[in-house]
PDB file of N, CA and C in Angstrom:
ATOM      1  N   MET A   1       0.832  -1.178   0.000  1.00  0.00           N
ATOM      2  CA  MET A   1       0.000   0.000   0.000  1.00  0.00           C
ATOM      3  C   MET A   1       0.876   1.239   0.000  1.00  0.00           C
ATOM      4  N   GLY A   2       0.328   2.297  -0.580  1.00  0.00           N
ATOM      5  CA  GLY A   2       1.023   3.575  -0.595  1.00  0.00           C
ATOM      6  C   GLY A   2       0.160   4.628   0.063  1.00  0.00           C
ATOM      7  N   ALA A   3       0.786   5.551   0.751  1.00  0.00           N
ATOM      8  CA  ALA A   3       0.056   6.634   1.399  1.00  0.00           C
ATOM      9  C   ALA A   3       0.588   7.958   0.884  1.00  0.00           C
ATOM     10  N   VAL A   4      -0.324   8.887   0.609  1.00  0.00           N
ATOM     11  CA  VAL A   4       0.033  10.186   0.061  1.00  0.00           C
ATOM     12  C   VAL A   4      -0.874  11.230   0.677  1.00  0.00           C
ATOM     13  N   LEU A   5      -0.307  12.416   0.932  1.00  0.00           N
ATOM     14  CA  LEU A   5      -1.141  13.529   1.377  1.00  0.00           C
ATOM     15  C   LEU A   5      -1.837  14.123   0.166  1.00  0.00           C
ATOM     16  N   ASP A   6      -3.153  14.321   0.261  1.00  0.00           N
ATOM     17  CA  ASP A   6      -3.858  14.955  -0.845  1.00  0.00           C
ATOM     18  C   ASP A   6      -3.783  16.468  -0.695  1.00  0.00           C
ATOM     19  N   ARG A   7      -4.421  17.199  -1.593  1.00  0.00           N
ATOM     20  CA  ARG A   7      -4.341  18.662  -1.593  1.00  0.00           C
ATOM     21  C   ARG A   7      -4.881  19.281  -0.312  1.00  0.00           C
ATOM     22  N   GLY A   8      -5.792  18.621   0.335  1.00  0.00           N
ATOM     23  CA  GLY A   8      -6.358  19.135   1.574  1.00  0.00           C
ATOM     24  C   GLY A   8      -5.554  18.756   2.804  1.00  0.00           C
ATOM     25  N   GLY A   9      -4.435  18.068   2.610  1.00  0.00           N
ATOM     26  CA  GLY A   9      -3.605  17.667   3.729  1.00  0.00           C
ATOM     27  C   GLY A   9      -4.050  16.370   4.379  1.00  0.00           C
ATOM     28  N   GLU A  10      -5.067  15.728   3.802  1.00  0.00           N
ATOM     29  CA  GLU A  10      -5.561  14.450   4.326  1.00  0.00           C
ATOM     30  C   GLU A  10      -4.719  13.303   3.770  1.00  0.00           C
ATOM     31  N   MET A  11      -4.569  12.260   4.546  1.00  0.00           N
ATOM     32  CA  MET A  11      -3.818  11.091   4.118  1.00  0.00           C
ATOM     33  C   MET A  11      -4.724  10.173   3.299  1.00  0.00           C
ATOM     34  N   SER A  12      -4.263   9.805   2.118  1.00  0.00           N
ATOM     35  CA  SER A  12      -4.988   8.864   1.274  1.00  0.00           C
ATOM     36  C   SER A  12      -4.139   7.601   1.133  1.00  0.00           C
ATOM     37  N   VAL A  13      -4.785   6.451   1.162  1.00  0.00           N
ATOM     38  CA  VAL A  13      -4.073   5.179   1.073  1.00  0.00           C
ATOM     39  C   VAL A  13      -4.608   4.396  -0.120  1.00  0.00           C
ATOM     40  N   TRP A  14      -3.671   3.882  -0.957  1.00  0.00           N
ATOM     41  CA  TRP A  14      -4.044   3.093  -2.114  1.00  0.00           C
ATOM     42  C   TRP A  14      -3.259   1.797  -2.128  1.00  0.00           C
ATOM     43  N   THR A  15      -3.825   0.788  -2.737  1.00  0.00           N
ATOM     44  CA  THR A  15      -3.114  -0.476  -2.922  1.00  0.00           C
ATOM     45  C   THR A  15      -2.194  -0.326  -4.135  1.00  0.00           C
ATOM     46  N   LYS A  16      -1.264  -1.253  -4.271  1.00  0.00           N
ATOM     47  CA  LYS A  16      -0.357  -1.250  -5.421  1.00  0.00           C
ATOM     48  C   LYS A  16      -1.165  -1.333  -6.721  1.00  0.00           C
ATOM     49  N   GLU A  17      -2.186  -2.170  -6.729  1.00  0.00           N
ATOM     50  CA  GLU A  17      -3.017  -2.319  -7.928  1.00  0.00           C
ATOM     51  C   GLU A  17      -3.713  -1.002  -8.284  1.00  0.00           C
ATOM     52  N   GLN A  18      -4.216  -0.292  -7.283  1.00  0.00           N
ATOM     53  CA  GLN A  18      -4.871   0.996  -7.540  1.00  0.00           C
ATOM     54  C   GLN A  18      -3.876   2.013  -8.098  1.00  0.00           C
ATOM     55  N   LEU A  19      -2.667   2.043  -7.539  1.00  0.00           N
ATOM     56  CA  LEU A  19      -1.644   2.962  -8.030  1.00  0.00           C
ATOM     57  C   LEU A  19      -1.246   2.630  -9.468  1.00  0.00           C
ATOM     58  N   GLU A  20      -1.120   1.333  -9.764  1.00  0.00           N
ATOM     59  CA  GLU A  20      -0.791   0.920 -11.134  1.00  0.00           C
ATOM     60  C   GLU A  20      -1.905   1.327 -12.096  1.00  0.00           C
ATOM     61  N   ASN A  21      -3.157   1.183 -11.660  1.00  0.00           N
ATOM     62  CA  ASN A  21      -4.283   1.576 -12.504  1.00  0.00           C
ATOM     63  C   ASN A  21      -4.291   3.081 -12.754  1.00  0.00           C
ATOM     64  N   MET A  22      -3.949   3.861 -11.722  1.00  0.00           N
ATOM     65  CA  MET A  22      -3.890   5.316 -11.895  1.00  0.00           C
ATOM     66  C   MET A  22      -2.793   5.697 -12.878  1.00  0.00           C
ATOM     67  N   LEU A  23      -1.633   5.030 -12.779  1.00  0.00           N
ATOM     68  CA  LEU A  23      -0.538   5.294 -13.705  1.00  0.00           C
ATOM     69  C   LEU A  23      -0.952   4.910 -15.123  1.00  0.00           C
ATOM     70  N   GLU A  24      -1.639   3.809 -15.274  1.00  0.00           N
ATOM     71  CA  GLU A  24      -2.124   3.381 -16.590  1.00  0.00           C
ATOM     72  C   GLU A  24      -3.099   4.418 -17.154  1.00  0.00           C
ATOM     73  N   ASP A  25      -3.935   5.005 -16.302  1.00  0.00           N
ATOM     74  CA  ASP A  25      -4.848   6.070 -16.744  1.00  0.00           C
ATOM     75  C   ASP A  25      -4.070   7.271 -17.275  1.00  0.00           C
ATOM     76  N   VAL A  26      -2.964   7.616 -16.604  1.00  0.00           N
ATOM     77  CA  VAL A  26      -2.121   8.720 -17.071  1.00  0.00           C
ATOM     78  C   VAL A  26      -1.559   8.387 -18.450  1.00  0.00           C
ATOM     79  N   VAL A  27      -1.047   7.180 -18.616  1.00  0.00           N
ATOM     80  CA  VAL A  27      -0.486   6.759 -19.901  1.00  0.00           C
ATOM     81  C   VAL A  27      -1.551   6.831 -20.985  1.00  0.00           C
ATOM     82  N   ASN A  28      -2.768   6.410 -20.666  1.00  0.00           N
ATOM     83  CA  ASN A  28      -3.840   6.434 -21.658  1.00  0.00           C
ATOM     84  C   ASN A  28      -4.191   7.851 -22.098  1.00  0.00           C
ATOM     85  N   GLU A  29      -3.933   8.838 -21.244  1.00  0.00           N
ATOM     86  CA  GLU A  29      -4.235  10.234 -21.568  1.00  0.00           C
ATOM     87  C   GLU A  29      -3.131  10.907 -22.380  1.00  0.00           C
ATOM     88  N   LEU A  30      -1.962  10.286 -22.451  1.00  0.00           N
ATOM     89  CA  LEU A  30      -0.852  10.885 -23.201  1.00  0.00           C
ATOM     90  C   LEU A  30      -1.206  10.909 -24.686  1.00  0.00           C
ATOM     91  N   ASP A  31      -0.780  11.948 -25.351  1.00  0.00           N
ATOM     92  CA  ASP A  31      -1.033  12.094 -26.781  1.00  0.00           C
ATOM     93  C   ASP A  31       0.116  11.433 -27.538  1.00  0.00           C
ATOM     94  N   LEU A  32       0.033  10.108 -27.720  1.00  0.00           N
ATOM     95  CA  LEU A  32       1.104   9.368 -28.367  1.00  0.00           C
ATOM     96  C   LEU A  32       0.851   9.250 -29.865  1.00  0.00           C
ATOM     97  N   SER A  33       1.914   9.405 -30.645  1.00  0.00           N
ATOM     98  CA  SER A  33       1.807   9.229 -32.090  1.00  0.00           C
ATOM     99  C   SER A  33       1.677   7.741 -32.402  1.00  0.00           C
ATOM    100  N   GLY A  34       1.306   7.442 -33.626  1.00  0.00           N
ATOM    101  CA  GLY A  34       1.186   6.049 -34.053  1.00  0.00           C
ATOM    102  C   GLY A  34       2.483   5.288 -33.895  1.00  0.00           C
ATOM    103  N   SER A  35       3.614   5.945 -34.220  1.00  0.00           N
ATOM    104  CA  SER A  35       4.909   5.268 -34.097  1.00  0.00           C
ATOM    105  C   SER A  35       5.260   5.014 -32.630  1.00  0.00           C
ATOM    106  N   ALA A  36       4.884   5.935 -31.750  1.00  0.00           N
ATOM    107  CA  ALA A  36       5.146   5.735 -30.320  1.00  0.00           C
ATOM    108  C   ALA A  36       4.315   4.579 -29.785  1.00  0.00           C
ATOM    109  N   ILE A  37       3.063   4.500 -30.229  1.00  0.00           N
ATOM    110  CA  ILE A  37       2.205   3.395 -29.792  1.00  0.00           C
ATOM    111  C   ILE A  37       2.774   2.074 -30.279  1.00  0.00           C
ATOM    112  N   GLU A  38       3.252   2.057 -31.536  1.00  0.00           N
ATOM    113  CA  GLU A  38       3.861   0.846 -32.085  1.00  0.00           C
ATOM    114  C   GLU A  38       5.096   0.449 -31.282  1.00  0.00           C
ATOM    115  N   LYS A  39       5.948   1.438 -30.980  1.00  0.00           N
ATOM    116  CA  LYS A  39       7.210   1.184 -30.279  1.00  0.00           C
ATOM    117  C   LYS A  39       6.980   0.735 -28.844  1.00  0.00           C
ATOM    118  N   HIS A  40       6.077   1.408 -28.143  1.00  0.00           N
ATOM    119  CA  HIS A  40       5.908   1.150 -26.713  1.00  0.00           C
ATOM    120  C   HIS A  40       4.774   0.183 -26.414  1.00  0.00           C
ATOM    121  N   GLY A  41       3.757   0.136 -27.272  1.00  0.00           N
ATOM    122  CA  GLY A  41       2.659  -0.811 -27.175  1.00  0.00           C
ATOM    123  C   GLY A  41       2.249  -1.224 -25.771  1.00  0.00           C
ATOM    124  N   PRO A  42       1.189  -2.009 -25.664  1.00  0.00           N
ATOM    125  CA  PRO A  42       0.694  -2.411 -24.352  1.00  0.00           C
ATOM    126  C   PRO A  42       1.644  -3.333 -23.594  1.00  0.00           C
ATOM    127  N   LEU A  43       2.515  -4.042 -24.296  1.00  0.00           N
ATOM    128  CA  LEU A  43       3.429  -4.960 -23.607  1.00  0.00           C
ATOM    129  C   LEU A  43       4.878  -4.511 -23.701  1.00  0.00           C
ATOM    130  N   GLY A  44       5.108  -3.325 -24.257  1.00  0.00           N
ATOM    131  CA  GLY A  44       6.473  -2.845 -24.481  1.00  0.00           C
ATOM    132  C   GLY A  44       7.105  -2.174 -23.286  1.00  0.00           C
ATOM    133  N   THR A  45       6.856  -0.897 -23.122  1.00  0.00           N
ATOM    134  CA  THR A  45       7.510  -0.084 -22.105  1.00  0.00           C
ATOM    135  C   THR A  45       6.643   0.002 -20.854  1.00  0.00           C
ATOM    136  N   PRO A  46       7.230  -0.212 -19.676  1.00  0.00           N
ATOM    137  CA  PRO A  46       6.445  -0.072 -18.441  1.00  0.00           C
ATOM    138  C   PRO A  46       5.861   1.339 -18.339  1.00  0.00           C
ATOM    139  N   PRO A  47       4.651   1.486 -17.816  1.00  0.00           N
ATOM    140  CA  PRO A  47       3.983   2.787 -17.777  1.00  0.00           C
ATOM    141  C   PRO A  47       4.808   3.908 -17.149  1.00  0.00           C
ATOM    142  N   ALA A  48       5.469   3.659 -16.033  1.00  0.00           N
ATOM    143  CA  ALA A  48       6.247   4.722 -15.381  1.00  0.00           C
ATOM    144  C   ALA A  48       7.377   5.209 -16.283  1.00  0.00           C
ATOM    145  N   GLU A  49       8.048   4.290 -16.943  1.00  0.00           N
ATOM    146  CA  GLU A  49       9.130   4.660 -17.859  1.00  0.00           C
ATOM    147  C   GLU A  49       8.575   5.418 -19.053  1.00  0.00           C
ATOM    148  N   LEU A  50       7.433   4.988 -19.559  1.00  0.00           N
ATOM    149  CA  LEU A  50       6.808   5.662 -20.699  1.00  0.00           C
ATOM    150  C   LEU A  50       6.462   7.108 -20.352  1.00  0.00           C
ATOM    151  N   VAL A  51       5.927   7.342 -19.168  1.00  0.00           N
ATOM    152  CA  VAL A  51       5.605   8.706 -18.740  1.00  0.00           C
ATOM    153  C   VAL A  51       6.880   9.540 -18.688  1.00  0.00           C
ATOM    154  N   ARG A  52       7.959   8.983 -18.136  1.00  0.00           N
ATOM    155  CA  ARG A  52       9.236   9.712 -18.079  1.00  0.00           C
ATOM    156  C   ARG A  52       9.738  10.040 -19.481  1.00  0.00           C
ATOM    157  N   LEU A  53       9.657   9.094 -20.409  1.00  0.00           N
ATOM    158  CA  LEU A  53      10.111   9.322 -21.780  1.00  0.00           C
ATOM    159  C   LEU A  53       9.299  10.417 -22.468  1.00  0.00           C
ATOM    160  N   VAL A  54       7.988  10.367 -22.294  1.00  0.00           N
ATOM    161  CA  VAL A  54       7.122  11.371 -22.930  1.00  0.00           C
ATOM    162  C   VAL A  54       7.396  12.756 -22.352  1.00  0.00           C
ATOM    163  N   LEU A  55       7.540  12.843 -21.044  1.00  0.00           N
ATOM    164  CA  LEU A  55       7.824  14.139 -20.427  1.00  0.00           C
ATOM    165  C   LEU A  55       9.186  14.675 -20.866  1.00  0.00           C
ATOM    166  N   ALA A  56      10.181  13.811 -20.993  1.00  0.00           N
ATOM    167  CA  ALA A  56      11.503  14.237 -21.460  1.00  0.00           C
ATOM    168  C   ALA A  56      11.416  14.750 -22.893  1.00  0.00           C
ATOM    169  N   GLU A  57      10.652  14.070 -23.748  1.00  0.00           N
ATOM    170  CA  GLU A  57      10.471  14.504 -25.135  1.00  0.00           C
ATOM    171  C   GLU A  57       9.781  15.865 -25.184  1.00  0.00           C
ATOM    172  N   LYS A  58       8.751  16.041 -24.386  1.00  0.00           N
ATOM    173  CA  LYS A  58       8.054  17.329 -24.353  1.00  0.00           C
ATOM    174  C   LYS A  58       8.989  18.431 -23.854  1.00  0.00           C
ATOM    175  N   ASP A  59       9.806  18.156 -22.831  1.00  0.00           N
ATOM    176  CA  ASP A  59      10.778  19.135 -22.338  1.00  0.00           C
ATOM    177  C   ASP A  59      11.772  19.514 -23.437  1.00  0.00           C
ATOM    178  N   ARG A  60      12.210  18.505 -24.201  1.00  0.00           N
ATOM    179  CA  ARG A  60      13.158  18.748 -25.289  1.00  0.00           C
ATOM    180  C   ARG A  60      12.528  19.645 -26.350  1.00  0.00           C
ATOM    181  N   ARG A  61      11.295  19.376 -26.700  1.00  0.00           N
ATOM    182  CA  ARG A  61      10.607  20.194 -27.703  1.00  0.00           C
ATOM    183  C   ARG A  61      10.404  21.623 -27.213  1.00  0.00           C
ATOM    184  N   ILE A  62      10.065  21.775 -25.952  1.00  0.00           N
ATOM    185  CA  ILE A  62       9.884  23.110 -25.381  1.00  0.00           C
ATOM    186  C   ILE A  62      11.209  23.865 -25.419  1.00  0.00           C
ATOM    187  N   ALA A  63      12.302  23.190 -25.082  1.00  0.00           N
ATOM    188  CA  ALA A  63      13.622  23.830 -25.097  1.00  0.00           C
ATOM    189  C   ALA A  63      13.972  24.288 -26.515  1.00  0.00           C
ATOM    190  N   TYR A  64      13.689  23.461 -27.524  1.00  0.00           N
ATOM    191  CA  TYR A  64      13.941  23.848 -28.911  1.00  0.00           C
ATOM    192  C   TYR A  64      13.114  25.069 -29.289  1.00  0.00           C
ATOM    193  N   LEU A  65      11.845  25.048 -28.927  1.00  0.00           N
ATOM    194  CA  LEU A  65      10.977  26.177 -29.266  1.00  0.00           C
ATOM    195  C   LEU A  65      11.440  27.455 -28.568  1.00  0.00           C
ATOM    196  N   GLU A  66      11.846  27.337 -27.316  1.00  0.00           N
ATOM    197  CA  GLU A  66      12.305  28.506 -26.573  1.00  0.00           C
ATOM    198  C   GLU A  66      13.615  29.057 -27.130  1.00  0.00           C
ATOM    199  N   SER A  67      14.429  28.183 -27.719  1.00  0.00           N
ATOM    200  CA  SER A  67      15.695  28.649 -28.281  1.00  0.00           C
ATOM    201  C   SER A  67      15.518  29.229 -29.678  1.00  0.00           C
ATOM    202  N   GLY A  68      14.295  29.179 -30.203  1.00  0.00           N
ATOM    203  CA  GLY A  68      14.018  29.777 -31.504  1.00  0.00           C
ATOM    204  C   GLY A  68      14.096  28.829 -32.675  1.00  0.00           C
ATOM    205  N   LEU A  69      14.356  27.559 -32.423  1.00  0.00           N
ATOM    206  CA  LEU A  69      14.377  26.583 -33.510  1.00  0.00           C
ATOM    207  C   LEU A  69      12.950  26.289 -33.947  1.00  0.00           C
ATOM    208  N   ILE A  70      12.765  26.094 -35.237  1.00  0.00           N
ATOM    209  CA  ILE A  70      11.425  25.866 -35.755  1.00  0.00           C
ATOM    210  C   ILE A  70      11.075  24.383 -35.763  1.00  0.00           C
ATOM    211  N   GLY A  71      11.945  23.550 -36.306  1.00  0.00           N
ATOM    212  CA  GLY A  71      11.656  22.123 -36.406  1.00  0.00           C
ATOM    213  C   GLY A  71      12.317  21.334 -35.299  1.00  0.00           C
ATOM    214  N   VAL A  72      11.699  20.230 -34.951  1.00  0.00           N
ATOM    215  CA  VAL A  72      12.246  19.325 -33.939  1.00  0.00           C
ATOM    216  C   VAL A  72      12.438  17.986 -34.601  1.00  0.00           C
ATOM    217  N   LYS A  73      13.698  17.540 -34.661  1.00  0.00           N
ATOM    218  CA  LYS A  73      13.992  16.237 -35.243  1.00  0.00           C
ATOM    219  C   LYS A  73      14.503  15.308 -34.171  1.00  0.00           C
ATOM    220  N   LYS A  74      14.207  14.032 -34.336  1.00  0.00           N
ATOM    221  CA  LYS A  74      14.692  13.030 -33.386  1.00  0.00           C
ATOM    222  C   LYS A  74      16.064  12.578 -33.777  1.00  0.00           C
TER     223      LYS A  74
END
């Protein structure tokens, strides 16, 4: 089980299965391209790692845009 303080300062407790389901919900909300879905698929990349990869990619794109570059290549 995991315990976390919510926004109101109350302690919330979840089972490992509930936490995994919440992480899976986050992954399902990510805007993945067709190639990313193919690469990471349902049995490919663990959800936590996939979230880290997507966030790193978004950070990289933001950095390129902030530096004035127009295109982002992998």
